[in-house]
Protein backbone atom coordinates (compact mmCIF):
# COMPACT_ATOMS: atom_id res chain seq x y z
CA MET A 1 -56.76 97.04 140.33
CA ASP A 2 -60.26 95.61 140.29
CA LYS A 3 -62.74 98.48 140.05
CA PHE A 4 -64.70 97.06 142.99
CA GLN A 5 -61.69 97.23 145.32
CA SER A 6 -61.60 101.02 145.12
CA LEU A 7 -65.23 101.49 146.20
CA SER A 8 -66.46 102.00 149.75
CA THR A 9 -68.37 99.24 151.51
CA ASN A 10 -71.55 101.30 151.38
CA ARG A 11 -71.20 101.74 147.63
CA LEU A 12 -70.48 98.03 147.13
CA LEU A 13 -73.57 97.09 149.15
CA PHE A 14 -75.73 99.54 147.20
CA ASP A 15 -74.48 98.23 143.85
CA LEU A 16 -74.95 94.61 144.88
CA ALA A 17 -78.47 95.28 146.18
CA SER A 18 -79.48 97.15 143.04
CA ARG A 19 -78.21 94.40 140.77
CA LEU A 20 -79.96 91.72 142.82
CA GLY A 21 -83.16 93.79 142.74
CA SER A 22 -82.84 94.24 139.00
CA LEU A 23 -82.35 90.51 138.54
CA GLU A 24 -85.36 89.74 140.69
CA GLY A 25 -87.50 92.21 138.73
CA TYR A 26 -86.27 90.83 135.42
CA LEU A 27 -87.09 87.29 136.46
CA TYR A 28 -90.56 88.32 137.62
CA ALA A 29 -91.58 88.72 133.97
CA GLU A 30 -90.70 85.08 133.33
CA GLN A 31 -92.20 84.83 129.83
CA LYS A 32 -90.05 87.71 128.58
CA VAL A 33 -86.76 86.51 130.10
CA ASP A 34 -83.86 85.97 127.73
CA LYS A 35 -81.98 83.35 129.70
CA SER A 36 -78.79 83.79 127.68
CA TYR A 37 -78.00 86.92 129.75
CA LEU A 38 -78.37 85.26 133.12
CA PRO A 39 -75.13 83.28 133.60
CA ASN A 40 -73.00 86.38 133.01
CA TRP A 41 -75.36 88.55 135.09
CA ILE A 42 -75.18 86.10 138.00
CA ASP A 43 -71.40 85.82 137.65
CA ASN A 44 -71.10 89.62 137.84
CA ILE A 45 -73.29 89.73 140.94
CA ASP A 46 -71.22 86.98 142.52
CA HIS A 47 -68.01 88.88 141.73
CA GLU A 48 -69.43 91.95 143.47
CA PHE A 49 -70.40 89.87 146.50
CA LYS A 50 -66.87 88.49 146.71
CA SER A 51 -65.51 92.05 146.61
CA LEU A 52 -67.13 92.78 149.97
CA SER A 53 -65.13 92.38 153.15
CA ALA A 54 -65.31 88.98 154.86
CA GLU A 55 -67.22 90.56 157.74
CA VAL A 56 -69.93 91.96 155.45
CA ARG A 57 -70.11 88.76 153.37
CA ASN A 58 -70.59 86.67 156.51
CA GLU A 59 -73.35 88.97 157.73
CA ILE A 60 -75.39 88.89 154.50
CA GLN A 61 -74.38 85.50 153.06
CA SER A 62 -77.55 83.58 153.97
CA ASP A 63 -79.81 86.23 152.41
CA TYR A 64 -77.54 86.56 149.39
CA LEU A 65 -77.54 82.81 148.76
CA ALA A 66 -81.33 82.64 149.16
CA LEU A 67 -81.78 85.34 146.51
CA LEU A 68 -79.20 83.78 144.24
CA LYS A 69 -80.82 80.35 144.54
CA SER A 70 -84.26 81.75 143.74
CA GLY A 71 -82.84 83.50 140.67
CA ILE A 72 -81.03 80.42 139.47
CA CYS A 73 -83.91 78.06 140.23
CA SER A 74 -86.48 80.28 138.59
CA THR A 75 -84.50 80.13 135.36
CA ARG A 76 -84.00 76.39 135.66
CA LEU A 77 -80.21 76.67 135.55
CA THR A 78 -78.48 73.68 136.99
CA ALA A 79 -78.16 73.01 140.70
CA THR A 80 -74.43 72.72 140.10
CA ARG A 81 -74.16 76.49 139.69
CA ILE A 82 -75.81 76.93 143.10
CA GLN A 83 -73.38 74.49 144.69
CA ILE A 84 -70.39 76.19 143.08
CA ARG A 85 -71.47 79.55 144.49
CA GLN A 86 -72.06 78.17 147.97
CA ASN A 87 -68.57 76.68 148.00
CA SER A 88 -67.01 79.87 146.65
CA THR A 89 -68.46 82.07 149.38
CA ARG A 90 -66.92 80.07 152.21
């Protein structure tokens, strides 16, 4: 069983929000960013988002994608990764 499936919705939302906040804070110090960590970090965040119920995902999807895009764009990762994520959340 996926460890995220056993957590409550409130816990999943808290974990997702804290990881997104951490990513945003990490990216704020752009000169010190080790970009090699980011693809895996973003993949983990995306996995957590997908662990939420469809109802919750639909409610927060636009904000989630906006944060994800800003994180990906600020690190100059390819636009393809953004498109893949948008398609995977539908």
